[in-house]
N, C-alpha and C. Protein backbone atom coordinates (compact mmCIF):
# COMPACT_ATOMS: atom_id res chain seq x y z
N UNK A 1 -2.21 19.92 -19.41
CA UNK A 1 -2.89 20.75 -18.43
C UNK A 1 -3.34 22.04 -19.11
N UNK A 2 -4.62 22.33 -19.07
CA UNK A 2 -5.16 23.51 -19.72
C UNK A 2 -5.37 24.67 -18.76
N UNK A 3 -5.54 24.35 -17.47
CA UNK A 3 -5.75 25.39 -16.47
C UNK A 3 -5.30 24.88 -15.11
N UNK A 4 -4.85 25.80 -14.26
CA UNK A 4 -4.40 25.43 -12.93
C UNK A 4 -5.63 25.22 -12.04
N UNK A 5 -5.67 24.06 -11.38
CA UNK A 5 -6.79 23.77 -10.50
C UNK A 5 -6.33 23.46 -9.11
N UNK A 6 -6.95 22.45 -8.49
CA UNK A 6 -6.51 22.02 -7.17
C UNK A 6 -5.22 21.24 -7.31
N UNK A 7 -4.64 20.84 -6.18
CA UNK A 7 -3.42 20.04 -6.23
C UNK A 7 -3.68 18.75 -6.98
N UNK A 8 -2.64 18.24 -7.61
CA UNK A 8 -2.76 17.03 -8.44
C UNK A 8 -3.01 15.79 -7.59
N UNK A 9 -3.60 14.75 -8.19
CA UNK A 9 -3.90 13.51 -7.45
C UNK A 9 -2.67 12.89 -6.78
N UNK A 10 -1.49 12.99 -7.42
CA UNK A 10 -0.31 12.37 -6.81
C UNK A 10 0.07 13.07 -5.49
N UNK A 11 -0.21 14.37 -5.40
CA UNK A 11 0.07 15.10 -4.16
C UNK A 11 -0.88 14.64 -3.06
N UNK A 12 -2.14 14.47 -3.41
CA UNK A 12 -3.12 13.96 -2.45
C UNK A 12 -2.71 12.57 -1.96
N UNK A 13 -2.23 11.73 -2.89
CA UNK A 13 -1.81 10.37 -2.53
C UNK A 13 -0.62 10.41 -1.57
N UNK A 14 0.33 11.32 -1.81
CA UNK A 14 1.48 11.46 -0.90
C UNK A 14 1.00 11.84 0.49
N UNK A 15 0.06 12.79 0.54
CA UNK A 15 -0.48 13.21 1.83
C UNK A 15 -1.17 12.09 2.57
N UNK A 16 -1.92 11.26 1.84
CA UNK A 16 -2.64 10.13 2.46
C UNK A 16 -1.64 9.12 3.02
N UNK A 17 -0.62 8.78 2.25
CA UNK A 17 0.38 7.81 2.70
C UNK A 17 1.10 8.31 3.95
N UNK A 18 1.43 9.60 3.97
CA UNK A 18 2.11 10.16 5.13
C UNK A 18 1.21 10.14 6.37
N UNK A 19 -0.05 10.50 6.19
CA UNK A 19 -0.98 10.48 7.33
C UNK A 19 -1.22 9.07 7.85
N UNK A 20 -1.15 8.09 6.97
CA UNK A 20 -1.37 6.70 7.38
C UNK A 20 -0.13 6.07 8.02
N UNK A 21 1.05 6.46 7.53
CA UNK A 21 2.28 5.78 7.92
C UNK A 21 3.04 6.44 9.07
N UNK A 22 3.17 7.75 9.03
CA UNK A 22 3.99 8.45 10.01
C UNK A 22 3.54 8.23 11.46
N UNK A 23 2.23 8.30 11.77
CA UNK A 23 1.82 8.07 13.16
C UNK A 23 2.25 6.70 13.69
N UNK A 24 2.21 5.68 12.83
CA UNK A 24 2.62 4.34 13.25
C UNK A 24 4.11 4.32 13.59
N UNK A 25 4.91 4.93 12.73
CA UNK A 25 6.35 4.98 12.96
C UNK A 25 6.65 5.77 14.24
N UNK A 26 5.98 6.91 14.39
CA UNK A 26 6.22 7.75 15.57
C UNK A 26 5.85 7.03 16.86
N UNK A 27 4.73 6.31 16.85
CA UNK A 27 4.29 5.58 18.04
C UNK A 27 5.28 4.48 18.42
N UNK A 28 5.85 3.83 17.41
CA UNK A 28 6.80 2.75 17.69
C UNK A 28 8.15 3.28 18.18
N UNK A 29 8.39 4.57 17.96
CA UNK A 29 9.63 5.18 18.42
C UNK A 29 9.39 6.19 19.54
N UNK A 30 8.24 6.05 20.19
CA UNK A 30 7.83 7.01 21.22
C UNK A 30 8.82 7.09 22.37
N UNK A 31 9.47 5.99 22.70
CA UNK A 31 10.40 5.97 23.84
C UNK A 31 11.77 6.55 23.49
N UNK A 32 12.01 6.78 22.22
CA UNK A 32 13.30 7.34 21.79
C UNK A 32 13.04 8.35 20.67
N UNK A 33 12.60 9.53 21.05
CA UNK A 33 12.16 10.52 20.07
C UNK A 33 13.28 10.93 19.11
N UNK A 34 14.54 10.87 19.57
CA UNK A 34 15.64 11.28 18.69
C UNK A 34 15.72 10.40 17.44
N UNK A 35 15.27 9.14 17.59
CA UNK A 35 15.29 8.24 16.43
C UNK A 35 14.20 8.63 15.43
N UNK A 36 13.07 9.07 15.95
CA UNK A 36 12.00 9.53 15.07
C UNK A 36 12.44 10.80 14.34
N UNK A 37 13.08 11.70 15.06
CA UNK A 37 13.59 12.92 14.43
C UNK A 37 14.61 12.58 13.34
N UNK A 38 15.48 11.62 13.65
CA UNK A 38 16.47 11.19 12.66
C UNK A 38 15.81 10.58 11.44
N UNK A 39 14.73 9.81 11.66
CA UNK A 39 13.98 9.23 10.54
C UNK A 39 13.40 10.34 9.65
N UNK A 40 12.81 11.36 10.28
CA UNK A 40 12.21 12.46 9.52
C UNK A 40 13.27 13.17 8.67
N UNK A 41 14.44 13.40 9.26
CA UNK A 41 15.52 14.07 8.53
C UNK A 41 15.99 13.24 7.35
N UNK A 42 16.16 11.94 7.57
CA UNK A 42 16.60 11.07 6.49
C UNK A 42 15.54 10.99 5.38
N UNK A 43 14.28 10.98 5.77
CA UNK A 43 13.20 10.89 4.78
C UNK A 43 13.21 12.10 3.85
N UNK A 44 13.22 13.31 4.41
CA UNK A 44 13.17 14.50 3.55
C UNK A 44 14.47 14.67 2.75
N UNK A 45 15.61 14.25 3.34
CA UNK A 45 16.87 14.33 2.61
C UNK A 45 16.90 13.38 1.41
N UNK A 46 16.07 12.36 1.45
CA UNK A 46 15.95 11.43 0.32
C UNK A 46 14.83 11.85 -0.63
N UNK A 47 13.69 12.26 -0.07
CA UNK A 47 12.50 12.56 -0.86
C UNK A 47 12.68 13.81 -1.74
N UNK A 48 13.18 14.89 -1.15
CA UNK A 48 13.23 16.17 -1.87
C UNK A 48 14.15 16.12 -3.10
N UNK A 49 15.38 15.58 -3.00
CA UNK A 49 16.21 15.49 -4.21
C UNK A 49 15.56 14.64 -5.31
N UNK A 50 14.85 13.59 -4.91
CA UNK A 50 14.16 12.76 -5.91
C UNK A 50 13.03 13.54 -6.56
N UNK A 51 12.33 14.35 -5.78
CA UNK A 51 11.25 15.17 -6.33
C UNK A 51 11.82 16.16 -7.36
N UNK A 52 12.92 16.82 -7.00
CA UNK A 52 13.55 17.77 -7.92
C UNK A 52 14.04 17.06 -9.18
N UNK A 53 14.63 15.88 -9.00
CA UNK A 53 15.11 15.10 -10.14
C UNK A 53 13.98 14.76 -11.10
N UNK A 54 12.82 14.41 -10.55
CA UNK A 54 11.67 14.08 -11.39
C UNK A 54 11.08 15.33 -12.05
N UNK A 55 11.22 16.48 -11.40
CA UNK A 55 10.76 17.72 -12.03
C UNK A 55 11.49 17.94 -13.35
N UNK A 56 12.81 17.71 -13.34
CA UNK A 56 13.61 17.91 -14.55
C UNK A 56 13.18 16.99 -15.69
N UNK A 57 12.52 15.88 -15.34
CA UNK A 57 12.09 14.93 -16.36
C UNK A 57 10.77 15.35 -17.02
N UNK A 58 10.13 16.37 -16.46
CA UNK A 58 8.86 16.86 -17.02
C UNK A 58 9.17 17.80 -18.19
N UNK A 59 9.30 17.24 -19.37
CA UNK A 59 9.68 18.04 -20.53
C UNK A 59 9.07 17.45 -21.81
N UNK A 60 8.64 18.32 -22.72
CA UNK A 60 8.50 19.76 -22.49
C UNK A 60 7.26 20.04 -21.64
N UNK A 61 7.29 21.19 -20.99
CA UNK A 61 6.16 21.55 -20.12
C UNK A 61 5.72 22.97 -20.43
N UNK A 62 4.42 23.17 -20.51
CA UNK A 62 3.88 24.49 -20.81
C UNK A 62 3.94 25.38 -19.57
N UNK A 63 3.68 26.66 -19.78
CA UNK A 63 3.66 27.60 -18.65
C UNK A 63 2.57 27.21 -17.66
N UNK A 64 1.41 26.81 -18.18
CA UNK A 64 0.31 26.40 -17.30
C UNK A 64 0.69 25.13 -16.54
N UNK A 65 1.37 24.22 -17.22
CA UNK A 65 1.83 23.00 -16.56
C UNK A 65 2.80 23.31 -15.44
N UNK A 66 3.70 24.28 -15.68
CA UNK A 66 4.66 24.69 -14.65
C UNK A 66 3.94 25.34 -13.47
N UNK A 67 2.88 26.10 -13.78
CA UNK A 67 2.10 26.72 -12.71
C UNK A 67 1.43 25.66 -11.84
N UNK A 68 0.92 24.60 -12.48
CA UNK A 68 0.30 23.52 -11.72
C UNK A 68 1.33 22.82 -10.84
N UNK A 69 2.52 22.58 -11.39
CA UNK A 69 3.57 21.94 -10.61
C UNK A 69 4.04 22.84 -9.47
N UNK A 70 4.02 24.14 -9.69
CA UNK A 70 4.40 25.07 -8.62
C UNK A 70 3.39 24.99 -7.48
N UNK A 71 2.12 24.92 -7.83
CA UNK A 71 1.08 24.74 -6.82
C UNK A 71 1.28 23.43 -6.07
N UNK A 72 1.60 22.36 -6.82
CA UNK A 72 1.85 21.05 -6.21
C UNK A 72 3.05 21.09 -5.28
N UNK A 73 4.12 21.77 -5.72
CA UNK A 73 5.34 21.86 -4.91
C UNK A 73 5.05 22.57 -3.59
N UNK A 74 4.25 23.62 -3.66
CA UNK A 74 3.89 24.33 -2.42
C UNK A 74 3.08 23.44 -1.49
N UNK A 75 2.17 22.66 -2.06
CA UNK A 75 1.35 21.74 -1.26
C UNK A 75 2.23 20.67 -0.60
N UNK A 76 3.20 20.16 -1.36
CA UNK A 76 4.11 19.14 -0.82
C UNK A 76 4.97 19.73 0.29
N UNK A 77 5.41 20.96 0.10
CA UNK A 77 6.21 21.62 1.15
C UNK A 77 5.39 21.73 2.44
N UNK A 78 4.12 22.09 2.32
CA UNK A 78 3.25 22.18 3.49
C UNK A 78 3.10 20.83 4.17
N UNK A 79 2.91 19.78 3.36
CA UNK A 79 2.77 18.42 3.90
C UNK A 79 4.03 18.01 4.65
N UNK A 80 5.19 18.28 4.05
CA UNK A 80 6.46 17.89 4.67
C UNK A 80 6.74 18.67 5.95
N UNK A 81 6.39 19.93 5.98
CA UNK A 81 6.60 20.73 7.18
C UNK A 81 5.74 20.24 8.34
N UNK A 82 4.59 19.67 8.01
CA UNK A 82 3.69 19.14 9.04
C UNK A 82 3.97 17.68 9.38
N UNK A 83 4.85 17.05 8.60
CA UNK A 83 5.08 15.60 8.74
C UNK A 83 5.43 15.14 10.16
N UNK A 84 6.34 15.78 10.89
CA UNK A 84 6.71 15.27 12.21
C UNK A 84 5.56 15.18 13.20
N UNK A 85 4.55 16.04 13.07
CA UNK A 85 3.44 16.04 14.03
C UNK A 85 2.12 15.58 13.43
N UNK A 86 2.14 15.08 12.19
CA UNK A 86 0.88 14.68 11.55
C UNK A 86 0.20 13.57 12.35
N UNK A 87 -1.09 13.73 12.58
CA UNK A 87 -1.86 12.72 13.31
C UNK A 87 -1.59 12.68 14.79
N UNK A 88 -0.84 13.64 15.31
CA UNK A 88 -0.50 13.65 16.74
C UNK A 88 -1.46 14.55 17.51
N UNK A 89 -1.85 14.11 18.70
CA UNK A 89 -2.73 14.91 19.55
C UNK A 89 -1.97 16.11 20.12
N UNK A 90 -0.64 15.96 20.19
CA UNK A 90 0.20 17.04 20.70
C UNK A 90 0.94 17.67 19.52
N UNK A 91 0.71 18.96 19.33
CA UNK A 91 1.35 19.66 18.21
C UNK A 91 2.70 20.21 18.66
N UNK A 92 3.77 19.59 18.14
CA UNK A 92 5.13 20.03 18.47
C UNK A 92 5.75 20.73 17.26
N UNK A 93 6.51 21.75 17.53
CA UNK A 93 7.21 22.43 16.46
C UNK A 93 8.38 21.55 16.02
N UNK A 94 8.53 21.30 14.71
CA UNK A 94 9.65 20.44 14.26
C UNK A 94 10.99 21.10 14.55
N UNK A 95 12.05 20.31 14.65
CA UNK A 95 13.39 20.87 14.88
C UNK A 95 13.76 21.86 13.77
N UNK A 96 14.52 22.88 14.15
CA UNK A 96 14.92 23.91 13.18
C UNK A 96 15.69 23.31 12.02
N UNK A 97 16.49 22.28 12.30
CA UNK A 97 17.27 21.64 11.23
C UNK A 97 16.36 21.00 10.20
N UNK A 98 15.26 20.40 10.66
CA UNK A 98 14.29 19.76 9.76
C UNK A 98 13.59 20.82 8.90
N UNK A 99 13.10 21.87 9.55
CA UNK A 99 12.41 22.94 8.83
C UNK A 99 13.31 23.57 7.78
N UNK A 100 14.60 23.74 8.12
CA UNK A 100 15.55 24.35 7.18
C UNK A 100 15.74 23.48 5.94
N UNK A 101 15.85 22.17 6.13
CA UNK A 101 16.05 21.25 5.00
C UNK A 101 14.84 21.29 4.07
N UNK A 102 13.65 21.22 4.64
CA UNK A 102 12.41 21.21 3.84
C UNK A 102 12.26 22.54 3.10
N UNK A 103 12.42 23.63 3.82
CA UNK A 103 12.23 24.95 3.22
C UNK A 103 13.23 25.20 2.09
N UNK A 104 14.50 24.87 2.35
CA UNK A 104 15.54 25.10 1.34
C UNK A 104 15.34 24.19 0.12
N UNK A 105 15.08 22.91 0.35
CA UNK A 105 14.92 21.96 -0.74
C UNK A 105 13.71 22.23 -1.60
N UNK A 106 12.57 22.46 -0.97
CA UNK A 106 11.34 22.69 -1.74
C UNK A 106 11.32 24.08 -2.36
N UNK A 107 12.00 25.03 -1.74
CA UNK A 107 12.10 26.36 -2.35
C UNK A 107 12.89 26.28 -3.65
N UNK A 108 13.90 25.42 -3.69
CA UNK A 108 14.66 25.23 -4.93
C UNK A 108 13.74 24.69 -6.02
N UNK A 109 12.88 23.72 -5.67
CA UNK A 109 11.94 23.17 -6.65
C UNK A 109 11.02 24.27 -7.17
N UNK A 110 10.56 25.13 -6.27
CA UNK A 110 9.68 26.23 -6.66
C UNK A 110 10.41 27.22 -7.57
N UNK A 111 11.66 27.50 -7.26
CA UNK A 111 12.43 28.45 -8.08
C UNK A 111 12.67 27.90 -9.48
N UNK A 112 12.93 26.60 -9.58
CA UNK A 112 13.11 25.97 -10.89
C UNK A 112 11.87 26.20 -11.75
N UNK A 113 10.71 26.01 -11.16
CA UNK A 113 9.46 26.15 -11.90
C UNK A 113 9.18 27.62 -12.25
N UNK A 114 9.60 28.53 -11.39
CA UNK A 114 9.43 29.95 -11.69
C UNK A 114 10.28 30.35 -12.89
N UNK A 115 11.48 29.76 -12.99
CA UNK A 115 12.34 30.04 -14.15
C UNK A 115 11.70 29.47 -15.42
N UNK A 116 11.14 28.26 -15.32
CA UNK A 116 10.47 27.65 -16.48
C UNK A 116 9.32 28.54 -16.96
N UNK A 117 8.64 29.20 -16.01
CA UNK A 117 7.52 30.08 -16.35
C UNK A 117 7.97 31.41 -16.96
N UNK A 118 9.25 31.74 -16.80
CA UNK A 118 9.75 33.04 -17.27
C UNK A 118 9.88 33.07 -18.79
N UNK A 119 9.57 34.21 -19.43
CA UNK A 119 9.76 34.33 -20.89
C UNK A 119 11.24 34.29 -21.23
N UNK A 120 11.57 33.67 -22.36
CA UNK A 120 12.97 33.50 -22.73
C UNK A 120 13.32 34.22 -24.04
N UNK A 121 12.40 35.05 -24.52
CA UNK A 121 12.65 35.70 -25.81
C UNK A 121 13.82 36.67 -25.75
N UNK A 122 14.14 37.18 -24.56
CA UNK A 122 15.31 38.02 -24.39
C UNK A 122 16.28 37.28 -23.47
N UNK A 123 17.44 36.94 -24.01
CA UNK A 123 18.38 36.09 -23.28
C UNK A 123 18.87 36.71 -21.98
N UNK A 124 19.23 37.97 -22.01
CA UNK A 124 19.85 38.59 -20.83
C UNK A 124 18.93 38.59 -19.61
N UNK A 125 17.69 39.10 -19.70
CA UNK A 125 16.83 39.09 -18.51
C UNK A 125 16.47 37.68 -18.05
N UNK A 126 16.36 36.73 -19.00
CA UNK A 126 16.03 35.35 -18.63
C UNK A 126 17.16 34.74 -17.81
N UNK A 127 18.39 34.90 -18.27
CA UNK A 127 19.55 34.36 -17.56
C UNK A 127 19.72 35.06 -16.21
N UNK A 128 19.52 36.38 -16.20
CA UNK A 128 19.62 37.14 -14.94
C UNK A 128 18.62 36.62 -13.92
N UNK A 129 17.41 36.32 -14.39
CA UNK A 129 16.37 35.77 -13.52
C UNK A 129 16.79 34.42 -12.95
N UNK A 130 17.36 33.57 -13.80
CA UNK A 130 17.82 32.25 -13.36
C UNK A 130 18.90 32.39 -12.28
N UNK A 131 19.87 33.24 -12.53
CA UNK A 131 20.98 33.42 -11.59
C UNK A 131 20.50 34.02 -10.27
N UNK A 132 19.46 34.81 -10.32
CA UNK A 132 18.94 35.44 -9.11
C UNK A 132 18.12 34.45 -8.27
N UNK A 133 17.34 33.61 -8.96
CA UNK A 133 16.41 32.73 -8.26
C UNK A 133 17.06 31.45 -7.73
N UNK A 134 18.04 30.91 -8.47
CA UNK A 134 18.62 29.62 -8.10
C UNK A 134 19.92 29.77 -7.33
N UNK A 135 19.99 29.10 -6.19
CA UNK A 135 21.23 29.10 -5.42
C UNK A 135 22.21 28.10 -6.05
N UNK A 136 23.48 28.46 -6.09
CA UNK A 136 24.52 27.63 -6.69
C UNK A 136 24.15 27.19 -8.11
N UNK A 137 23.86 28.15 -9.01
CA UNK A 137 23.47 27.79 -10.38
C UNK A 137 24.65 27.21 -11.15
N UNK A 138 24.34 26.24 -12.01
CA UNK A 138 25.39 25.73 -12.90
C UNK A 138 24.79 25.46 -14.28
N UNK A 139 25.65 25.29 -15.26
CA UNK A 139 25.19 25.16 -16.65
C UNK A 139 24.37 23.91 -16.87
N UNK A 140 24.71 22.83 -16.18
CA UNK A 140 23.97 21.58 -16.34
C UNK A 140 22.51 21.75 -15.95
N UNK A 141 22.26 22.36 -14.79
CA UNK A 141 20.88 22.59 -14.36
C UNK A 141 20.19 23.59 -15.27
N UNK A 142 20.93 24.58 -15.73
CA UNK A 142 20.36 25.58 -16.63
C UNK A 142 19.85 24.93 -17.91
N UNK A 143 20.65 24.01 -18.47
CA UNK A 143 20.23 23.34 -19.70
C UNK A 143 19.04 22.41 -19.46
N UNK A 144 18.97 21.82 -18.27
CA UNK A 144 17.82 20.99 -17.94
C UNK A 144 16.54 21.82 -17.95
N UNK A 145 16.63 23.05 -17.46
CA UNK A 145 15.48 23.95 -17.46
C UNK A 145 15.09 24.32 -18.89
N UNK A 146 16.09 24.56 -19.74
CA UNK A 146 15.80 24.87 -21.14
C UNK A 146 15.10 23.70 -21.82
N UNK A 147 15.49 22.48 -21.46
CA UNK A 147 14.84 21.29 -22.01
C UNK A 147 13.41 21.17 -21.48
N UNK A 148 13.19 21.55 -20.21
CA UNK A 148 11.84 21.55 -19.66
C UNK A 148 10.94 22.51 -20.44
N UNK A 149 11.52 23.62 -20.90
CA UNK A 149 10.76 24.60 -21.67
C UNK A 149 10.52 24.12 -23.10
N UNK A 150 11.18 23.03 -23.48
CA UNK A 150 10.97 22.48 -24.82
C UNK A 150 11.71 23.23 -25.90
N UNK A 151 12.81 23.89 -25.56
CA UNK A 151 13.55 24.67 -26.54
C UNK A 151 14.44 23.77 -27.40
N UNK A 152 14.51 24.09 -28.68
CA UNK A 152 15.39 23.37 -29.59
C UNK A 152 16.83 23.77 -29.31
N UNK A 153 17.77 22.96 -29.80
CA UNK A 153 19.18 23.24 -29.56
C UNK A 153 19.57 24.62 -30.08
N UNK A 154 19.02 24.97 -31.24
CA UNK A 154 19.35 26.29 -31.83
C UNK A 154 18.81 27.42 -30.96
N UNK A 155 17.71 27.18 -30.24
CA UNK A 155 17.14 28.19 -29.35
C UNK A 155 17.90 28.23 -28.02
N UNK A 156 18.47 27.11 -27.64
CA UNK A 156 19.21 27.04 -26.38
C UNK A 156 20.56 27.75 -26.47
N UNK A 157 21.20 27.66 -27.63
CA UNK A 157 22.58 28.14 -27.77
C UNK A 157 22.80 29.59 -27.31
N UNK A 158 21.98 30.56 -27.79
CA UNK A 158 22.22 31.94 -27.34
C UNK A 158 21.99 32.12 -25.84
N UNK A 159 21.08 31.34 -25.27
CA UNK A 159 20.82 31.42 -23.83
C UNK A 159 21.99 30.85 -23.03
N UNK A 160 22.56 29.75 -23.54
CA UNK A 160 23.72 29.14 -22.87
C UNK A 160 24.91 30.08 -22.94
N UNK A 161 25.10 30.73 -24.10
CA UNK A 161 26.20 31.67 -24.25
C UNK A 161 26.04 32.85 -23.28
N UNK A 162 24.81 33.32 -23.14
CA UNK A 162 24.54 34.41 -22.21
C UNK A 162 24.82 33.96 -20.77
N UNK A 163 24.45 32.72 -20.48
CA UNK A 163 24.72 32.17 -19.14
C UNK A 163 26.22 32.15 -18.87
N UNK A 164 26.99 31.69 -19.84
CA UNK A 164 28.45 31.61 -19.67
C UNK A 164 29.05 33.00 -19.47
N UNK A 165 28.42 33.99 -20.10
CA UNK A 165 28.92 35.35 -19.96
C UNK A 165 28.56 35.97 -18.62
N UNK A 166 27.36 35.66 -18.14
CA UNK A 166 26.90 36.27 -16.89
C UNK A 166 27.40 35.54 -15.65
N UNK A 167 27.54 34.22 -15.72
CA UNK A 167 27.88 33.45 -14.52
C UNK A 167 29.17 33.91 -13.86
N UNK A 168 30.28 34.13 -14.61
CA UNK A 168 31.51 34.58 -13.95
C UNK A 168 31.35 35.94 -13.27
N UNK A 169 30.65 36.90 -13.95
CA UNK A 169 30.45 38.22 -13.36
C UNK A 169 29.53 38.13 -12.15
N UNK A 170 28.60 37.18 -12.19
CA UNK A 170 27.71 36.97 -11.05
C UNK A 170 28.53 36.53 -9.83
N UNK A 171 29.49 35.61 -10.07
CA UNK A 171 30.34 35.13 -8.98
C UNK A 171 31.20 36.26 -8.42
N UNK A 172 31.70 37.13 -9.31
CA UNK A 172 32.50 38.26 -8.86
C UNK A 172 31.66 39.23 -8.05
N UNK A 173 30.40 39.41 -8.50
CA UNK A 173 29.50 40.32 -7.79
C UNK A 173 29.17 39.80 -6.40
N UNK A 174 28.98 38.47 -6.29
CA UNK A 174 28.67 37.87 -5.00
C UNK A 174 29.86 38.02 -4.05
N UNK A 175 31.06 37.89 -4.61
CA UNK A 175 32.27 38.01 -3.79
C UNK A 175 32.43 39.43 -3.27
N UNK A 176 32.09 40.42 -4.11
CA UNK A 176 32.26 41.81 -3.71
C UNK A 176 31.04 42.39 -3.03
N UNK A 177 30.02 41.54 -2.83
CA UNK A 177 28.81 42.00 -2.14
C UNK A 177 27.77 42.56 -3.07
N UNK A 178 28.00 42.47 -4.39
CA UNK A 178 27.02 42.97 -5.35
C UNK A 178 25.93 41.96 -5.60
N UNK A 179 24.89 42.35 -6.32
CA UNK A 179 23.80 41.44 -6.64
C UNK A 179 23.23 41.77 -7.99
N UNK A 180 22.85 40.73 -8.75
CA UNK A 180 22.25 40.94 -10.06
C UNK A 180 20.78 41.25 -9.90
N UNK A 181 20.27 42.14 -10.74
CA UNK A 181 18.86 42.52 -10.64
C UNK A 181 18.09 41.94 -11.82
N UNK A 182 16.91 41.40 -11.52
CA UNK A 182 16.06 40.88 -12.57
C UNK A 182 15.40 42.04 -13.28
N UNK A 183 15.32 42.01 -14.61
CA UNK A 183 14.72 43.10 -15.36
C UNK A 183 13.27 43.26 -14.97
N UNK A 184 12.78 44.49 -15.06
CA UNK A 184 11.41 44.78 -14.63
C UNK A 184 10.35 44.00 -15.39
N UNK A 185 10.44 43.86 -16.76
CA UNK A 185 9.40 43.10 -17.47
C UNK A 185 9.29 41.67 -16.98
N UNK A 186 10.44 41.01 -16.79
CA UNK A 186 10.43 39.62 -16.31
C UNK A 186 9.85 39.57 -14.91
N UNK A 187 10.30 40.50 -14.05
CA UNK A 187 9.83 40.51 -12.66
C UNK A 187 8.32 40.72 -12.60
N UNK A 188 7.79 41.64 -13.43
CA UNK A 188 6.35 41.92 -13.41
C UNK A 188 5.54 40.71 -13.85
N UNK A 189 5.99 40.03 -14.92
CA UNK A 189 5.28 38.84 -15.39
C UNK A 189 5.29 37.74 -14.35
N UNK A 190 6.45 37.54 -13.69
CA UNK A 190 6.55 36.52 -12.65
C UNK A 190 5.64 36.87 -11.49
N UNK A 191 5.66 38.13 -11.06
CA UNK A 191 4.86 38.55 -9.91
C UNK A 191 3.38 38.35 -10.16
N UNK A 192 2.93 38.65 -11.38
CA UNK A 192 1.52 38.49 -11.72
C UNK A 192 1.10 37.03 -11.62
N UNK A 193 1.91 36.14 -12.18
CA UNK A 193 1.58 34.71 -12.15
C UNK A 193 1.64 34.17 -10.72
N UNK A 194 2.65 34.59 -9.96
CA UNK A 194 2.79 34.11 -8.59
C UNK A 194 1.63 34.58 -7.73
N UNK A 195 1.17 35.81 -7.92
CA UNK A 195 0.02 36.31 -7.15
C UNK A 195 -1.22 35.46 -7.42
N UNK A 196 -1.43 35.08 -8.68
CA UNK A 196 -2.58 34.24 -9.02
C UNK A 196 -2.47 32.88 -8.32
N UNK A 197 -1.27 32.31 -8.33
CA UNK A 197 -1.06 31.01 -7.68
C UNK A 197 -1.25 31.13 -6.17
N UNK A 198 -0.80 32.24 -5.58
CA UNK A 198 -0.95 32.42 -4.13
C UNK A 198 -2.42 32.47 -3.76
N UNK A 199 -3.24 33.11 -4.61
CA UNK A 199 -4.68 33.15 -4.33
C UNK A 199 -5.28 31.75 -4.37
N UNK A 200 -4.82 30.93 -5.35
CA UNK A 200 -5.29 29.54 -5.41
C UNK A 200 -4.89 28.74 -4.17
N UNK A 201 -3.64 28.95 -3.74
CA UNK A 201 -3.14 28.24 -2.57
C UNK A 201 -3.91 28.62 -1.33
N UNK A 202 -4.19 29.91 -1.16
CA UNK A 202 -4.93 30.38 0.03
C UNK A 202 -6.32 29.77 0.08
N UNK A 203 -6.94 29.56 -1.09
CA UNK A 203 -8.28 28.96 -1.11
C UNK A 203 -8.24 27.52 -0.64
N UNK A 204 -7.10 26.85 -0.87
CA UNK A 204 -6.98 25.45 -0.45
C UNK A 204 -6.61 25.30 1.01
N UNK A 205 -5.76 26.19 1.51
CA UNK A 205 -5.26 26.08 2.87
C UNK A 205 -5.84 27.14 3.76
């Protein structure tokens, strides 16, 4: 990927399949709406973890590639949030439990990609950014992100060591009500890239 453009073809294909399939399922369960709601919950609880799992397999990935995937993830989140009422003449607000699952799951995918986009030349701010963005961070997921960035083992080691040093203090800070702050250079670079992506997203939606 050389430049961020519109959503990728696979995202469009997902949207088409959902628009074609969901109305049929909903119509067949019209007399028992709770079953349709249960179907929607089971679908996103299965789909989102698989999407995140496949994200980790995208390695190595460039910053531009991560930006494209971030745009795709946002598009998929929009599709999933609209899934319960897609193709319906009556627009119903999805259950709060459904919206929470989609928002939380797809936000994690977006945060993973934001970390991949972050510069790693300074270990401390990079690890701080990871700990701030990802809920329930662990070393296994952290190393998966380093692999997505295409870092060699020798490049990963100082970052992993920094993670091991920061993670315990992060847990202590959370317990005492404290919070880790992302360094200003990292935050500024992330904000600039995210603003560009938001402008692209607004043009599409």
